Amino acid sequence: MISSSTIKHLRLPFSLFLMPVFLFALALTPNLNEARLLWVFLALHLFLYPSSNGYNSYFDKDEESIGGLKNPPKVTKDLYWISLLFFAIAIGLGGLINWSFASMLFCYGLISMAYSHPSIRIKKYPWLSWFIAGLFQGYFTFAMAYAGLSDLGWDIFTKTHVMIPGVLTSLMLWGNYPLTQVYQHREDGRRGDRTLSLLLGIKGTFAFSAFLFALTGAAFVWYFLDRNQTSIMWIYVSAMAPIILFFFLWFSFVRTNPEKYANYNWAMGMNSISALVLNAFFIYYFLENTQILQVFGY
């Protein structure tokens, strides 16, 4: 019997925040196949990400707010086993495509486990955890999704047409990742986890993220212009406007009272608006880039 605590700690809705990476890969995949699309989506968003969430929650045993849970319940032993079961199911679904894709899922899972497992606990190393989280949730996941959607192998990681957009997704995550830690300073400090946000301080975290957001925006503009997709570039810039507006509004409040406004509600607001806008943009980019709408006369 799965406890209600375990269901909450799997944080299934949290997968929406990572969905833009999948949608970006989908938009650029040349070999679309309905079955592979379904297996990759389910493997990542219904099983691999929840497995990672649950496994890390089990070892973190958070008492204060975490991503997707304002008041996390106490973890139970079944969370550990369910997270491993979900991990196994994700790999099994990957095997329906090819074993290279399954091994990529396995590799991602191991890195994710190392993030919070006490024997390694990457989380306690500020720059290393920031780099690895952004690399694997961004570039690695993009290339992995691209490989699964196209029935390809590990060699795809070295292809320029995959590396460049993959690095762009990592840039997005490297900018946002410290903001997900900004309200957890007290608990991270108590546990001995020297996160990047804790190292930079609250105001330093926002300044660092602002720089990376600007770099990410410039990189995406260059990417679309390089592909002669000027109209897509302008739609991207327009889509980013509400995210940037929310960020600077939040930053303005934080500068007046860091302790009051660097909180869970504002952070989840930032994540929610980013997920909503980016998912919508990449769905549009998928439809436009693959010319699916034209097939139906639109």
C-alpha atoms as a PDB file:
ATOM      1  CA  MET A   1       0.000   0.000   0.000  1.00  0.00           C
ATOM      2  CA  ILE A   2       1.400   3.393  -1.038  1.00  0.00           C
ATOM      3  CA  SER A   3       1.087   6.004   1.667  1.00  0.00           C
ATOM      4  CA  SER A   4      -0.300   9.472   0.944  1.00  0.00           C
ATOM      5  CA  SER A   5       3.063  10.852   2.053  1.00  0.00           C
ATOM      6  CA  THR A   6       4.821   8.905  -0.681  1.00  0.00           C
ATOM      7  CA  ILE A   7       2.395  10.085  -3.358  1.00  0.00           C
ATOM      8  CA  LYS A   8       3.036  13.687  -2.342  1.00  0.00           C
ATOM      9  CA  HIS A   9       6.813  13.266  -2.313  1.00  0.00           C
ATOM     10  CA  LEU A  10       6.821  11.832  -5.850  1.00  0.00           C
ATOM     11  CA  ARG A  11       5.661  15.321  -6.857  1.00  0.00           C
ATOM     12  CA  LEU A  12       4.183  14.295 -10.203  1.00  0.00           C
ATOM     13  CA  PRO A  13       3.038  17.842 -11.116  1.00  0.00           C
ATOM     14  CA  PHE A  14       6.632  19.032 -10.666  1.00  0.00           C
ATOM     15  CA  SER A  15       7.483  17.245 -13.935  1.00  0.00           C
ATOM     16  CA  LEU A  16       5.763  20.131 -15.745  1.00  0.00           C
ATOM     17  CA  PHE A  17       8.693  22.362 -14.805  1.00  0.00           C
ATOM     18  CA  LEU A  18      11.104  20.134 -16.761  1.00  0.00           C
ATOM     19  CA  MET A  19       8.794  19.519 -19.719  1.00  0.00           C
ATOM     20  CA  PRO A  20      10.186  22.378 -21.886  1.00  0.00           C
ATOM     21  CA  VAL A  21      13.386  20.357 -22.382  1.00  0.00           C
ATOM     22  CA  PHE A  22      11.388  17.424 -23.771  1.00  0.00           C
ATOM     23  CA  LEU A  23       9.265  19.699 -25.969  1.00  0.00           C
ATOM     24  CA  PHE A  24      12.359  21.430 -27.372  1.00  0.00           C
ATOM     25  CA  ALA A  25      13.837  18.053 -28.294  1.00  0.00           C
ATOM     26  CA  LEU A  26      10.497  17.025 -29.803  1.00  0.00           C
ATOM     27  CA  ALA A  27      10.410  20.172 -31.940  1.00  0.00           C
ATOM     28  CA  LEU A  28      13.815  19.351 -33.447  1.00  0.00           C
ATOM     29  CA  THR A  29      13.391  15.589 -33.864  1.00  0.00           C
ATOM     30  CA  PRO A  30      13.403  14.607 -37.560  1.00  0.00           C
ATOM     31  CA  ASN A  31      12.026  11.073 -37.103  1.00  0.00           C
ATOM     32  CA  LEU A  32       8.691  11.508 -35.339  1.00  0.00           C
ATOM     33  CA  ASN A  33       6.962   8.330 -34.273  1.00  0.00           C
ATOM     34  CA  GLU A  34       3.817   8.241 -32.123  1.00  0.00           C
ATOM     35  CA  ALA A  35       4.835   5.176 -30.110  1.00  0.00           C
ATOM     36  CA  ARG A  36       8.311   6.491 -29.314  1.00  0.00           C
ATOM     37  CA  LEU A  37       6.853   9.868 -28.375  1.00  0.00           C
ATOM     38  CA  LEU A  38       4.551   8.168 -25.860  1.00  0.00           C
ATOM     39  CA  TRP A  39       7.253   5.911 -24.354  1.00  0.00           C
ATOM     40  CA  VAL A  40       9.773   8.748 -23.977  1.00  0.00           C
ATOM     41  CA  PHE A  41       7.204  11.059 -22.419  1.00  0.00           C
ATOM     42  CA  LEU A  42       6.012   8.435 -19.942  1.00  0.00           C
ATOM     43  CA  ALA A  43       9.528   7.264 -19.084  1.00  0.00           C
ATOM     44  CA  LEU A  44      10.685  10.786 -18.284  1.00  0.00           C
ATOM     45  CA  HIS A  45       7.693  12.585 -16.833  1.00  0.00           C
ATOM     46  CA  LEU A  46       5.650   9.870 -15.202  1.00  0.00           C
ATOM     47  CA  PHE A  47       8.432   7.658 -13.850  1.00  0.00           C
ATOM     48  CA  LEU A  48      12.032   8.973 -14.026  1.00  0.00           C
ATOM     49  CA  TYR A  49      11.437  12.466 -12.616  1.00  0.00           C
ATOM     50  CA  PRO A  50       9.041  11.290  -9.867  1.00  0.00           C
ATOM     51  CA  SER A  51      11.539   8.548  -8.996  1.00  0.00           C
ATOM     52  CA  SER A  52      14.260  11.170  -8.623  1.00  0.00           C
ATOM     53  CA  ASN A  53      11.976  13.398  -6.548  1.00  0.00           C
ATOM     54  CA  GLY A  54      11.007  10.589  -4.220  1.00  0.00           C
ATOM     55  CA  TYR A  55      14.500   9.161  -3.801  1.00  0.00           C
ATOM     56  CA  ASN A  56      16.008  12.535  -2.947  1.00  0.00           C
ATOM     57  CA  SER A  57      13.146  13.387  -0.605  1.00  0.00           C
ATOM     58  CA  TYR A  58      13.699  10.109   1.226  1.00  0.00           C
ATOM     59  CA  PHE A  59      17.312  10.972   2.047  1.00  0.00           C
ATOM     60  CA  ASP A  60      16.787  14.718   2.529  1.00  0.00           C
ATOM     61  CA  LYS A  61      13.891  14.246   4.969  1.00  0.00           C
ATOM     62  CA  ASP A  62      12.993  17.905   4.577  1.00  0.00           C
ATOM     63  CA  GLU A  63      10.970  19.568   7.301  1.00  0.00           C
ATOM     64  CA  GLU A  64      10.524  22.886   5.489  1.00  0.00           C
ATOM     65  CA  SER A  65       9.242  23.740   2.006  1.00  0.00           C
ATOM     66  CA  ILE A  66      10.715  22.003  -1.045  1.00  0.00           C
ATOM     67  CA  GLY A  67       9.944  22.331  -4.743  1.00  0.00           C
ATOM     68  CA  GLY A  68       6.284  21.473  -5.235  1.00  0.00           C
ATOM     69  CA  LEU A  69       5.551  20.888  -1.531  1.00  0.00           C
ATOM     70  CA  LYS A  70       5.046  23.808   0.809  1.00  0.00           C
ATOM     71  CA  ASN A  71       4.569  21.548   3.828  1.00  0.00           C
ATOM     72  CA  PRO A  72       6.266  18.215   3.061  1.00  0.00           C
ATOM     73  CA  PRO A  73       4.957  15.295   5.136  1.00  0.00           C
ATOM     74  CA  LYS A  74       7.353  12.952   6.905  1.00  0.00           C
ATOM     75  CA  VAL A  75       8.826  10.378   4.558  1.00  0.00           C
ATOM     76  CA  THR A  76       8.090   6.685   5.017  1.00  0.00           C
ATOM     77  CA  LYS A  77      10.062   3.593   4.023  1.00  0.00           C
ATOM     78  CA  ASP A  78       7.766   2.810   1.109  1.00  0.00           C
ATOM     79  CA  LEU A  79       8.932   6.036  -0.570  1.00  0.00           C
ATOM     80  CA  TYR A  80      12.384   4.493  -1.003  1.00  0.00           C
ATOM     81  CA  TRP A  81      11.032   1.317  -2.627  1.00  0.00           C
ATOM     82  CA  ILE A  82       8.472   3.105  -4.787  1.00  0.00           C
ATOM     83  CA  SER A  83      11.150   5.462  -6.101  1.00  0.00           C
ATOM     84  CA  LEU A  84      13.258   2.441  -7.111  1.00  0.00           C
ATOM     85  CA  LEU A  85      10.210   0.773  -8.695  1.00  0.00           C
ATOM     86  CA  PHE A  86       9.502   3.896 -10.727  1.00  0.00           C
ATOM     87  CA  PHE A  87      13.159   3.983 -11.753  1.00  0.00           C
ATOM     88  CA  ALA A  88      12.961   0.367 -12.966  1.00  0.00           C
ATOM     89  CA  ILE A  89       9.747   1.074 -14.897  1.00  0.00           C
ATOM     90  CA  ALA A  90      11.372   4.092 -16.572  1.00  0.00           C
ATOM     91  CA  ILE A  91      14.283   1.920 -17.721  1.00  0.00           C
ATOM     92  CA  GLY A  92      11.863  -0.771 -18.898  1.00  0.00           C
ATOM     93  CA  LEU A  93       9.945   1.757 -20.980  1.00  0.00           C
ATOM     94  CA  GLY A  94      13.244   2.972 -22.398  1.00  0.00           C
ATOM     95  CA  GLY A  95      14.040  -0.588 -23.423  1.00  0.00           C
ATOM     96  CA  LEU A  96      10.926  -0.583 -25.626  1.00  0.00           C
ATOM     97  CA  ILE A  97      12.767   1.906 -27.831  1.00  0.00           C
ATOM     98  CA  ASN A  98      16.366   0.692 -27.596  1.00  0.00           C
ATOM     99  CA  TRP A  99      18.850  -0.236 -24.901  1.00  0.00           C
ATOM    100  CA  SER A 100      20.964   2.840 -25.514  1.00  0.00           C
ATOM    101  CA  PHE A 101      18.043   5.007 -24.460  1.00  0.00           C
ATOM    102  CA  ALA A 102      17.391   2.719 -21.495  1.00  0.00           C
ATOM    103  CA  SER A 103      21.039   3.075 -20.421  1.00  0.00           C
ATOM    104  CA  MET A 104      20.752   6.868 -20.659  1.00  0.00           C
ATOM    105  CA  LEU A 105      17.786   6.757 -18.293  1.00  0.00           C
ATOM    106  CA  PHE A 106      19.835   4.552 -15.986  1.00  0.00           C
ATOM    107  CA  CYS A 107      22.763   6.996 -16.065  1.00  0.00           C
ATOM    108  CA  TYR A 108      20.494   9.967 -15.309  1.00  0.00           C
ATOM    109  CA  GLY A 109      18.959   8.067 -12.405  1.00  0.00           C
ATOM    110  CA  LEU A 110      22.317   7.230 -10.864  1.00  0.00           C
ATOM    111  CA  ILE A 111      23.461  10.860 -11.008  1.00  0.00           C
ATOM    112  CA  SER A 112      20.167  11.936  -9.492  1.00  0.00           C
ATOM    113  CA  MET A 113      20.582   9.429  -6.659  1.00  0.00           C
ATOM    114  CA  ALA A 114      24.091  10.670  -5.985  1.00  0.00           C
ATOM    115  CA  TYR A 115      22.702  14.181  -5.557  1.00  0.00           C
ATOM    116  CA  SER A 116      21.223  13.414  -2.114  1.00  0.00           C
ATOM    117  CA  HIS A 117      22.588  10.029  -1.063  1.00  0.00           C
ATOM    118  CA  PRO A 118      24.641  10.501   2.134  1.00  0.00           C
ATOM    119  CA  SER A 119      27.636   8.522   0.847  1.00  0.00           C
ATOM    120  CA  ILE A 120      28.167  10.992  -2.024  1.00  0.00           C
ATOM    121  CA  ARG A 121      25.693  13.876  -1.616  1.00  0.00           C
ATOM    122  CA  ILE A 122      26.610  16.112  -4.548  1.00  0.00           C
ATOM    123  CA  LYS A 123      24.129  18.605  -3.120  1.00  0.00           C
ATOM    124  CA  LYS A 124      26.602  19.775  -0.465  1.00  0.00           C
ATOM    125  CA  TYR A 125      29.106  21.016  -3.057  1.00  0.00           C
ATOM    126  CA  PRO A 126      27.818  24.402  -4.328  1.00  0.00           C
ATOM    127  CA  TRP A 127      29.399  24.782  -7.756  1.00  0.00           C
ATOM    128  CA  LEU A 128      29.552  21.070  -8.557  1.00  0.00           C
ATOM    129  CA  SER A 129      25.870  20.495  -7.722  1.00  0.00           C
ATOM    130  CA  TRP A 130      24.863  23.572  -9.732  1.00  0.00           C
ATOM    131  CA  PHE A 131      26.862  22.414 -12.757  1.00  0.00           C
ATOM    132  CA  ILE A 132      25.722  18.777 -12.623  1.00  0.00           C
ATOM    133  CA  ALA A 133      22.044  19.591 -12.040  1.00  0.00           C
ATOM    134  CA  GLY A 134      21.950  21.994 -14.981  1.00  0.00           C
ATOM    135  CA  LEU A 135      23.999  19.713 -17.214  1.00  0.00           C
ATOM    136  CA  PHE A 136      21.903  16.599 -16.637  1.00  0.00           C
ATOM    137  CA  GLN A 137      18.462  18.195 -16.452  1.00  0.00           C
ATOM    138  CA  GLY A 138      19.350  20.276 -19.498  1.00  0.00           C
ATOM    139  CA  TYR A 139      21.847  19.077 -22.102  1.00  0.00           C
ATOM    140  CA  PHE A 140      21.852  15.417 -21.063  1.00  0.00           C
ATOM    141  CA  THR A 141      18.047  15.202 -20.902  1.00  0.00           C
ATOM    142  CA  PHE A 142      17.676  17.040 -24.209  1.00  0.00           C
ATOM    143  CA  ALA A 143      20.068  14.644 -25.957  1.00  0.00           C
ATOM    144  CA  MET A 144      18.491  11.654 -24.192  1.00  0.00           C
ATOM    145  CA  ALA A 145      14.982  12.682 -25.280  1.00  0.00           C
ATOM    146  CA  TYR A 146      16.218  13.353 -28.821  1.00  0.00           C
ATOM    147  CA  ALA A 147      17.839   9.901 -28.929  1.00  0.00           C
ATOM    148  CA  GLY A 148      14.709   8.183 -27.622  1.00  0.00           C
ATOM    149  CA  LEU A 149      12.351  10.053 -29.935  1.00  0.00           C
ATOM    150  CA  SER A 150      14.553   9.274 -32.953  1.00  0.00           C
ATOM    151  CA  ASP A 151      15.624   5.723 -31.971  1.00  0.00           C
ATOM    152  CA  LEU A 152      19.302   6.720 -31.836  1.00  0.00           C
ATOM    153  CA  GLY A 153      22.262   5.872 -29.606  1.00  0.00           C
ATOM    154  CA  TRP A 154      24.926   7.518 -27.455  1.00  0.00           C
ATOM    155  CA  ASP A 155      26.751   9.018 -30.436  1.00  0.00           C
ATOM    156  CA  ILE A 156      24.028  11.673 -30.647  1.00  0.00           C
ATOM    157  CA  PHE A 157      25.654  13.440 -27.683  1.00  0.00           C
ATOM    158  CA  THR A 158      28.542  14.568 -29.902  1.00  0.00           C
ATOM    159  CA  LYS A 159      26.442  15.891 -32.791  1.00  0.00           C
ATOM    160  CA  THR A 160      26.498  19.677 -33.155  1.00  0.00           C
ATOM    161  CA  HIS A 161      22.791  19.911 -34.002  1.00  0.00           C
ATOM    162  CA  VAL A 162      22.055  18.289 -30.627  1.00  0.00           C
ATOM    163  CA  MET A 163      24.862  19.810 -28.548  1.00  0.00           C
ATOM    164  CA  ILE A 164      23.955  23.455 -29.269  1.00  0.00           C
ATOM    165  CA  PRO A 165      20.248  23.330 -28.291  1.00  0.00           C
ATOM    166  CA  GLY A 166      21.190  20.991 -25.452  1.00  0.00           C
ATOM    167  CA  VAL A 167      23.576  23.586 -24.021  1.00  0.00           C
ATOM    168  CA  LEU A 168      20.838  26.220 -24.396  1.00  0.00           C
ATOM    169  CA  THR A 169      18.551  24.153 -22.162  1.00  0.00           C
ATOM    170  CA  SER A 170      21.349  23.853 -19.597  1.00  0.00           C
ATOM    171  CA  LEU A 171      21.777  27.626 -19.636  1.00  0.00           C
ATOM    172  CA  MET A 172      18.076  27.993 -18.799  1.00  0.00           C
ATOM    173  CA  LEU A 173      18.434  25.655 -15.855  1.00  0.00           C
ATOM    174  CA  TRP A 174      21.739  27.073 -14.632  1.00  0.00           C
ATOM    175  CA  GLY A 175      20.009  30.434 -14.378  1.00  0.00           C
ATOM    176  CA  ASN A 176      16.949  29.141 -12.560  1.00  0.00           C
ATOM    177  CA  TYR A 177      18.562  26.508 -10.337  1.00  0.00           C
ATOM    178  CA  PRO A 178      19.920  28.863  -7.617  1.00  0.00           C
ATOM    179  CA  LEU A 179      16.490  30.500  -7.323  1.00  0.00           C
ATOM    180  CA  THR A 180      15.002  27.128  -6.346  1.00  0.00           C
ATOM    181  CA  GLN A 181      17.339  27.132  -3.326  1.00  0.00           C
ATOM    182  CA  VAL A 182      16.837  30.721  -2.190  1.00  0.00           C
ATOM    183  CA  TYR A 183      14.135  29.921   0.365  1.00  0.00           C
ATOM    184  CA  GLN A 184      15.911  26.844   1.757  1.00  0.00           C
ATOM    185  CA  HIS A 185      18.959  28.521   3.315  1.00  0.00           C
ATOM    186  CA  ARG A 186      17.993  27.748   6.886  1.00  0.00           C
ATOM    187  CA  GLU A 187      17.372  24.047   6.349  1.00  0.00           C
ATOM    188  CA  ASP A 188      20.323  23.569   3.995  1.00  0.00           C
ATOM    189  CA  GLY A 189      22.623  25.298   6.485  1.00  0.00           C
ATOM    190  CA  ARG A 190      21.344  23.210   9.363  1.00  0.00           C
ATOM    191  CA  ARG A 191      21.984  20.035   7.383  1.00  0.00           C
ATOM    192  CA  GLY A 192      25.453  21.103   6.253  1.00  0.00           C
ATOM    193  CA  ASP A 193      24.584  21.441   2.558  1.00  0.00           C
ATOM    194  CA  ARG A 194      26.567  24.351   1.151  1.00  0.00           C
ATOM    195  CA  THR A 195      24.295  25.109  -1.814  1.00  0.00           C
ATOM    196  CA  LEU A 196      25.193  27.702  -4.438  1.00  0.00           C
ATOM    197  CA  SER A 197      22.429  30.060  -3.298  1.00  0.00           C
ATOM    198  CA  LEU A 198      23.642  29.799   0.277  1.00  0.00           C
ATOM    199  CA  LEU A 199      27.177  30.581  -0.913  1.00  0.00           C
ATOM    200  CA  LEU A 200      26.082  33.578  -3.010  1.00  0.00           C
ATOM    201  CA  GLY A 201      23.596  34.951  -0.509  1.00  0.00           C
ATOM    202  CA  ILE A 202      20.046  35.978  -1.357  1.00  0.00           C
ATOM    203  CA  LYS A 203      20.858  39.160  -3.290  1.00  0.00           C
ATOM    204  CA  GLY A 204      23.873  37.496  -4.894  1.00  0.00           C
ATOM    205  CA  THR A 205      21.645  34.648  -6.066  1.00  0.00           C
ATOM    206  CA  PHE A 206      19.350  37.063  -7.883  1.00  0.00           C
ATOM    207  CA  ALA A 207      22.226  38.953  -9.470  1.00  0.00           C
ATOM    208  CA  PHE A 208      23.809  35.673 -10.624  1.00  0.00           C
ATOM    209  CA  SER A 209      20.500  34.416 -12.083  1.00  0.00           C
ATOM    210  CA  ALA A 210      19.850  37.765 -13.793  1.00  0.00           C
ATOM    211  CA  PHE A 211      23.206  37.505 -15.577  1.00  0.00           C
ATOM    212  CA  LEU A 212      22.513  33.951 -16.726  1.00  0.00           C
ATOM    213  CA  PHE A 213      18.969  34.805 -17.833  1.00  0.00           C
ATOM    214  CA  ALA A 214      20.403  37.584 -20.007  1.00  0.00           C
ATOM    215  CA  LEU A 215      23.020  35.206 -21.421  1.00  0.00           C
ATOM    216  CA  THR A 216      20.364  32.560 -22.089  1.00  0.00           C
ATOM    217  CA  GLY A 217      18.095  35.036 -23.861  1.00  0.00           C
ATOM    218  CA  ALA A 218      20.931  36.251 -26.078  1.00  0.00           C
ATOM    219  CA  ALA A 219      21.933  32.666 -26.880  1.00  0.00           C
ATOM    220  CA  PHE A 220      18.391  31.701 -27.907  1.00  0.00           C
ATOM    221  CA  VAL A 221      18.068  34.824 -30.056  1.00  0.00           C
ATOM    222  CA  TRP A 222      21.324  33.894 -31.799  1.00  0.00           C
ATOM    223  CA  TYR A 223      20.110  30.298 -32.237  1.00  0.00           C
ATOM    224  CA  PHE A 224      16.845  31.258 -33.936  1.00  0.00           C
ATOM    225  CA  LEU A 225      18.506  33.896 -36.117  1.00  0.00           C
ATOM    226  CA  ASP A 226      21.172  31.374 -37.146  1.00  0.00           C
ATOM    227  CA  ARG A 227      18.346  29.062 -38.287  1.00  0.00           C
ATOM    228  CA  ASN A 228      16.712  31.926 -40.210  1.00  0.00           C
ATOM    229  CA  GLN A 229      13.713  31.799 -37.890  1.00  0.00           C
ATOM    230  CA  THR A 230      13.288  35.513 -37.263  1.00  0.00           C
ATOM    231  CA  SER A 231       9.554  35.275 -36.587  1.00  0.00           C
ATOM    232  CA  ILE A 232      10.177  32.521 -34.020  1.00  0.00           C
ATOM    233  CA  MET A 233      12.833  34.705 -32.411  1.00  0.00           C
ATOM    234  CA  TRP A 234      10.333  37.544 -31.880  1.00  0.00           C
ATOM    235  CA  ILE A 235       7.756  35.154 -30.468  1.00  0.00           C
ATOM    236  CA  TYR A 236      10.401  33.815 -28.096  1.00  0.00           C
ATOM    237  CA  VAL A 237      11.326  37.335 -26.956  1.00  0.00           C
ATOM    238  CA  SER A 238       7.642  38.144 -26.403  1.00  0.00           C
ATOM    239  CA  ALA A 239       7.133  34.906 -24.483  1.00  0.00           C
ATOM    240  CA  MET A 240      10.042  35.703 -22.186  1.00  0.00           C
ATOM    241  CA  ALA A 241       8.635  39.127 -21.272  1.00  0.00           C
ATOM    242  CA  PRO A 242       6.269  37.959 -18.480  1.00  0.00           C
ATOM    243  CA  ILE A 243       8.995  35.758 -16.970  1.00  0.00           C
ATOM    244  CA  ILE A 244      11.495  38.606 -16.878  1.00  0.00           C
ATOM    245  CA  LEU A 245       8.869  41.000 -15.544  1.00  0.00           C
ATOM    246  CA  PHE A 246       7.983  38.593 -12.719  1.00  0.00           C
ATOM    247  CA  PHE A 247      11.671  38.026 -11.926  1.00  0.00           C
ATOM    248  CA  PHE A 248      12.503  41.721 -11.619  1.00  0.00           C
ATOM    249  CA  LEU A 249       9.327  42.400  -9.645  1.00  0.00           C
ATOM    250  CA  TRP A 250      10.369  39.661  -7.218  1.00  0.00           C
ATOM    251  CA  PHE A 251      13.948  40.957  -7.154  1.00  0.00           C
ATOM    252  CA  SER A 252      12.728  44.479  -6.326  1.00  0.00           C
ATOM    253  CA  PHE A 253      10.849  43.145  -3.293  1.00  0.00           C
ATOM    254  CA  VAL A 254      13.782  40.982  -2.223  1.00  0.00           C
ATOM    255  CA  ARG A 255      16.146  43.967  -2.279  1.00  0.00           C
ATOM    256  CA  THR A 256      13.935  45.780   0.248  1.00  0.00           C
ATOM    257  CA  ASN A 257      13.378  42.774   2.533  1.00  0.00           C
ATOM    258  CA  PRO A 258      15.303  39.600   1.601  1.00  0.00           C
ATOM    259  CA  GLU A 259      14.086  37.502   4.524  1.00  0.00           C
ATOM    260  CA  LYS A 260      10.431  38.252   3.840  1.00  0.00           C
ATOM    261  CA  TYR A 261      10.263  37.856   0.067  1.00  0.00           C
ATOM    262  CA  ALA A 262      12.849  35.153  -0.692  1.00  0.00           C
ATOM    263  CA  ASN A 263      10.214  32.551   0.094  1.00  0.00           C
ATOM    264  CA  TYR A 264       8.511  29.455  -1.245  1.00  0.00           C
ATOM    265  CA  ASN A 265       5.457  31.207  -2.708  1.00  0.00           C
ATOM    266  CA  TRP A 266       7.488  33.621  -4.815  1.00  0.00           C
ATOM    267  CA  ALA A 267       9.862  30.860  -5.966  1.00  0.00           C
ATOM    268  CA  MET A 268       6.998  28.586  -7.004  1.00  0.00           C
ATOM    269  CA  GLY A 269       5.365  31.553  -8.712  1.00  0.00           C
ATOM    270  CA  MET A 270       8.539  32.036 -10.726  1.00  0.00           C
ATOM    271  CA  ASN A 271       8.667  28.328 -11.578  1.00  0.00           C
ATOM    272  CA  SER A 272       4.980  28.218 -12.491  1.00  0.00           C
ATOM    273  CA  ILE A 273       4.998  31.190 -14.834  1.00  0.00           C
ATOM    274  CA  SER A 274       8.237  29.954 -16.433  1.00  0.00           C
ATOM    275  CA  ALA A 275       6.784  26.477 -16.985  1.00  0.00           C
ATOM    276  CA  LEU A 276       3.517  27.845 -18.381  1.00  0.00           C
ATOM    277  CA  VAL A 277       5.200  30.223 -20.810  1.00  0.00           C
ATOM    278  CA  LEU A 278       8.047  27.920 -21.896  1.00  0.00           C
ATOM    279  CA  ASN A 279       5.776  24.908 -22.388  1.00  0.00           C
ATOM    280  CA  ALA A 280       3.422  27.024 -24.488  1.00  0.00           C
ATOM    281  CA  PHE A 281       6.302  28.421 -26.543  1.00  0.00           C
ATOM    282  CA  PHE A 282       7.924  25.051 -27.230  1.00  0.00           C
ATOM    283  CA  ILE A 283       4.570  23.470 -28.127  1.00  0.00           C
ATOM    284  CA  TYR A 284       4.130  26.282 -30.635  1.00  0.00           C
ATOM    285  CA  TYR A 285       7.706  25.792 -31.852  1.00  0.00           C
ATOM    286  CA  PHE A 286       7.064  22.067 -32.261  1.00  0.00           C
ATOM    287  CA  LEU A 287       3.914  22.697 -34.312  1.00  0.00           C
ATOM    288  CA  GLU A 288       5.616  25.369 -36.413  1.00  0.00           C
ATOM    289  CA  ASN A 289       8.956  23.623 -36.881  1.00  0.00           C
ATOM    290  CA  THR A 290       7.401  20.300 -37.889  1.00  0.00           C
ATOM    291  CA  GLN A 291       4.744  22.049 -40.028  1.00  0.00           C
ATOM    292  CA  ILE A 292       2.053  19.844 -38.529  1.00  0.00           C
ATOM    293  CA  LEU A 293      -0.476  22.690 -38.628  1.00  0.00           C
ATOM    294  CA  GLN A 294       0.047  23.121 -42.354  1.00  0.00           C
ATOM    295  CA  VAL A 295      -0.879  19.460 -42.886  1.00  0.00           C
ATOM    296  CA  PHE A 296      -4.291  20.218 -41.419  1.00  0.00           C
ATOM    297  CA  GLY A 297      -4.689  23.394 -43.433  1.00  0.00           C
ATOM    298  CA  TYR A 298      -3.741  25.974 -40.785  1.00  0.00           C
END
